[in-house]
Amino acid sequence: MAKKILTLFTLLNLSVLCGAESKNLFNGKDLTGWTGNPEFWKVENGIIVGETTNQKKTPGNTFLIWEGGNLGDFELTLKARVKGNNNSGIQYRSKVLNEKTWSVGGYQMDMHPAPNYLGMMYEERGRGIIAQRGQNVVIDSKGKRTSTGNPDKEKTDNLADWNEFKISAIGNKLTHMVNGKVTVDIEDNEDGKKSSTGVIALQLHAGGPMRLEVKDISLVRKDEKTSKNINPRIAENVFLVNAVKNPRVKWIWKNKSAGTETIYARRQWTLNSPLKSSKLSITCDNGFTAYVNGQKVGSGNQWEAHYEFDIKKYLHNGDNVLAVEARNEGQVAGLAAKIKLVSANGSIRNIVSDNEWIVNSKKTDGWLAPSVDTTGWKNAVIAGKMGDSPWGDVFSKKPGIPVAVAAKGVAKVHPKGFEVEKIYNVPKGQQGSWVSMAVDSKGRLYCGDQGGQGIFRITLTSEEPVIEKVPVPVSGAHGLLWAFDSLYACTNGQKPGSGLYRITDSDGDDVLDKVQELRRFNGGGEHGPHAVSLSPDGKHLFVIGGNMTTVPKPETSALKMNYAEDQLLPRMTDARGHARNVKAPGGWIARTDPEGKSFHLYSAGYRNHYDIAFNKDGEMFTYDSDMEWDSGTPWYRPTRIYHVTSGSEFGWRTGTGKFPEWYPDVLPPTLDIGPGCPTGVISGLGSKFPAKYQDAIYAFCWTYGTIYAIHLKQDGSSYSAEKEEFVTGVPLNVTDGVIGKDGNMYFAVGGRGTQSALYRVKYSGSDSIAPIKAKGSSETKLREIRRSMAVYHGQAVEGAVDKIWPNLGHTDRYIRYAARVALEHQPVVEWQEKALEEEDTQTSLSALLALSRQGDAALKDDILGSLSTLTVSEMSESQKLEALRVMGLTFIRMGGPDDETAQEIAEAISPLYPASTDAMNRELVAMLVYLKADDVLAKTIPLMNQDAAGLEEIEFDDKLLARSGQYGRTFQNQKANNPQRQQIWYAYALKNVSEGWNENLRKQFFSWYAKSRNFKGGASFEGFLNNFRNESLSKIQDANLRAEMDSLSKKQIALVPEDFEDARILKVGAKPEMKFDIEKLEAKAGEMIGIEFINNDPTGLMHNLAVCAPGSRQKVVASALTIGPKAIEQNFVPDIPEVIASTPQVAPGRKYTLYMKVPSKAGDYTYVCTYPGHGQVMFGTLKVK
């Protein structure tokens, strides 16, 4: 088997739980699901270990925190032992006080060597010891304690042995047990102090060296409490408690992964002193409405300037509460507030936003009032301190005007002969903010509010439109469609809940009055259920769900339902937590019948596509969103147009896991648009526009106020496309549109609570507006072949394999993709032998891809053996990439190779790396890391200092970015500080390497992190790099070395070295036949220069440039051949005095600037490529005067 694999690559070289179910909180392998300081926490032999030493101390108590969220009523059991002269504990119903330092406060079950303290109740950062072992304690509402029983000082258990610890927390009743014996029994009723919910955590105590070992962690959640517990959450008299005199304001939110959402926040306190004054300072990214004791005090939506309100008149003695409705528009989120209270005697107390606030994703009964039931609310998460990026010190600026800002931009239509006009301004208070549209058979429009105001029918007249509310309890429709004499609504989170509904006229009076639920959806928010559209044949509905919407259990599916994450290297989730737990297949499109009885999963793998439309050929298109926080990373995908075919998958995965478009198990985008926020998608069919614009697909971008006309051109069985700005405005928050029965385009602006309006676009030019018709062509036949394969998507058909097989090797990617999907739906036993014996390269790759996804794991060696029989030397690059993906999927789904096979594969493919393209290098480095190749570090680390010749991103349109100062700023910064995406990929891959490091390689690697601090990207960019760095540091066992590399990686390194800021740059490239394109350079003795070597050799060879002493070229070239095992690590540059300065081996398409001080002695210095065999012909002269 290994010999076959070796043959293959030699050839390639030539070219929420309920009830009483128990849950184990520790997987026995790693700390997945837990967070803590990696300096102290690890897993050894299936045991969680927390350890401090004399050399590695914690300045304060530190905790390993379970990330499963807040717990209310539960039983927790674990086994633990503590070694060393110290103690530990188990936190529960606790609060995370500081995420960055893993600081926790709240109830604690003590693990203490003193017998009377073992198993006691201690409140960390709170009331201290509440009950010692042997005591029963009842605490009343005012904090008075009644205790029975005496502290038990008899030693029966050894803390250094394995002991079983159990906690039972039911309502206000708290019980601790050690080895089956009750140690304390507590009933906590103290107002403002008791806790009914919170996190669990394990403690490492400050002080002497200690070692905590924990295993067998079992959680049983109990039923909901039968009585409601009021949790005041800090209801203290603010003038009596000890507090920081001038605490720093924090930016807070519900969690660190903020989407487009509205949250609700509360801060309660008790006041027992007369006030002289009280002022509220507040702001929110992106908007807020603030209430004090149920009274609205103000609102604002310009986070750059804070707002101030006098709130004295709203306050009273007793409990008070500030309640805030806080809104975010899709990027980083934060609420910041400060209440300044001045008592009658002049005492000042400031209450600021911090993690003492509580938050919720929805309103609860009485949420505006103090002292209400807040069960289900949780402590706020701190997103940053006032002054932190990206907000800056907003509170130091002049306060803003506390009024809402309405949309006030003027829309402009760009092509000649078109006109755009606003025909209706929506009264937000009565009709909301419109995000969906439909048109009925009589030409009347329907528009839906994103919030709770409902659906409205608009009758167009020569005067003002007539607006009527549809009298049904349906709102929050992201999708509306008129079909089958009904209005279909796809609702998102509002009444009557996320789902697909059919609204009809039950009595023929032209009033829609009956609502029928067709199917409920599990999902909501701005990545929830979206559009509903009619199929071109008028027989079916298509429904869309964003990636936060669970696939609705389809009765049939064009995709095989065993979709998976399919990551060769461990995927890292978003650094800010966005979509952390969202798994494959992401967003989806499903087809159903008019009654919604049967759902058929049609396509998947999207992030957040809002709408679809069909062209004149009946082909579907959608506009998918980017993850703007990813911008600057190699996994960033811009907003893009997809041609949606049966069974298509587009590879969205959370975090770093997004599939590149060259993967054969996904389809590529038709057109990358760039930054944006996709909303509506409509077809120009039915419009009274010129033919070009009837034939267009219109894609709406909310953020940058743009409607794009997408002009399609047939390309095989699919299309290529170009974009044209059709309508723009600043701001123009376009949401959805339709082609009216009068042939005009109507579109709405609004969404996210913004001012809404209705616009009309009409054509008044002289070009023909005759309806277009589809035309037959050779591409039509290819489209028919592709569609013929879709017959087998979702069903096994006798004889299908013979019809599918010829198309597996088709030159058209969409056809062979459709054929491969069709093959996967047929019984594997019918085609696995045929797949393993196939001789045609492309057919074999498609068949083996299907087999790696659907076959039994026992076929692993057979698949690898079949790969080795291909004539790989004749493969195109796309086929080589496909072969690597097939191998990767085989390992992912069927299991990795044994050590011997892995080594032989690594030795076989290593000569191919580095390759001539970024795509090949990405796949090769990942595979080599996976196989633990010996030389992957030495080959990769030099590549991390080679820059791309240009911006590694699609071109950013400055005019587009200028339409949104808030969102465009990130991309403008990125453009000005070009992040090196390929280098970042190498860092992502190498963080998985534990062995093979030496001092030189390690210093180069961590120095790159220092350099990367100059790069700019999206909101998660810096966090990703820091997480990569931390994971790499965690693999260094020696604490001193780890600290040294930590320090090195944080050192600020300028992209241009000191003293070279004004250096003259000399440019040298490469040309065919191993030649430098400039063979003579001149410089002055002692001059500071930079030689920018760009490897633009079209043959794809590696080259470097070494500056040598006069007359030493032959010695340098000969010495390069005798370096030995470290030749790769040394970039084939000999360590001899004749080499004055050198670049690393520079990959094709990359550049490296060699900064050097020109020798002081005049003469002819040689620059040469030292790669073996190149130096005899590839050289030039640096003439020093």
Foldseek 3Di string as FASTA:
>chain_A
DLVLLLLLLLLLLLADDAAFDKDFQAPLPWLVQKDWDLLAWTHDRSKIKGWAAPVRFDPFKAWIWGNPWKAFFKKKKWKKAKDDQDWKWKDHLWAQADPVRRDIWAWIQILHQQQQNHRFIATGVDDGGDGTFQKEWEAAQAGDIDIDGDRDRDDDDGRRDIKMWMWGHAPQWIWIDINRHTGYIYRYNHAQHGGRMDIMIIIDGGDHIMMMIMHRIMMTGYHDHPDFDFHQLEAEAQVPDDDDQDDFAFWWDAALADFFAKKKKKDKYAHDFAFPWKKKKKAKAAKKWKAKQRHTFFMEGHRLAIAMGTCNVRDDGTMMMMMMTGGHHGAGITIWMKMWTAGPVGRIGIDIDRQSMWMDRDDDPPRRHGRDRPPPIHTIDTNGTQQDPPRGNNHVDHHDDRDYDADDKDKDFPDPQKDKDFQWWDPCVQQNFWFEWEAEPVQWMKTAHLAQNAIWIWDDDPHHIDIDGQPDRDHNFQEWYYAPQWIWGQHAQGPPAGAIWTWHDPPPPPGTDDIDGQAHKDFHDQQAWAYWDAAPVRWKIKTKGAQRIDDRPFPFELADPPDFLLDLDDFDFFLSCHCVPRTPPGIFMWMAGPSNPGIYTFETNAHGWHEWEAFQVRWIKTWGDWNQQCFQALQTAHTAMAGGGGRAGQADGGGSRGDDCLALLHHHTLGHDGHFAWAEKYALAQALDAPQRNRWIWIAGQQLAFIWTWGWDQDALRTHTDIDTGMGIQRFRWRYWDQTNVRWIKTWHGPSRHTITIMIMHGRDDHGRPGDHDDDDPSNVRNVLQVVLSVQRGAADPPVCVVLQVQCQDPDSSSNSSSLSSVLRYPCVVCVVVLLPDADLSSNLSSLLSCLSRPALVCLVSSSSSSSNYSSSPDDVSSVLSSLSSNSSNCVRNNDDPLVSLASSLVSNVSCPPFQDLSVNLSNLLSNLSSVYQCSLLRLLLQLQWAFPAQPDPDDDPVSLVSRVVSSVQVVLQRVQRRRNSSSSSLVRCLSHLDNDDPVSLLSNLLSLLVNVSHGGRSSVNSVSVVSLSSSLSSDPDPVVSVVSVVNNNDHQYPAHPPCPPAAEAEWEAEPPLEIPDFEAEDEAQGKHKYKYAHQYPVFDWWKKWKFDPPCLVVQLVQLVVPPPCSSSVLSGDPDPRTPWMRHGHGHSIIHITIDGHHNDFDWIKMATNDHPNRVHYIHTYGYD
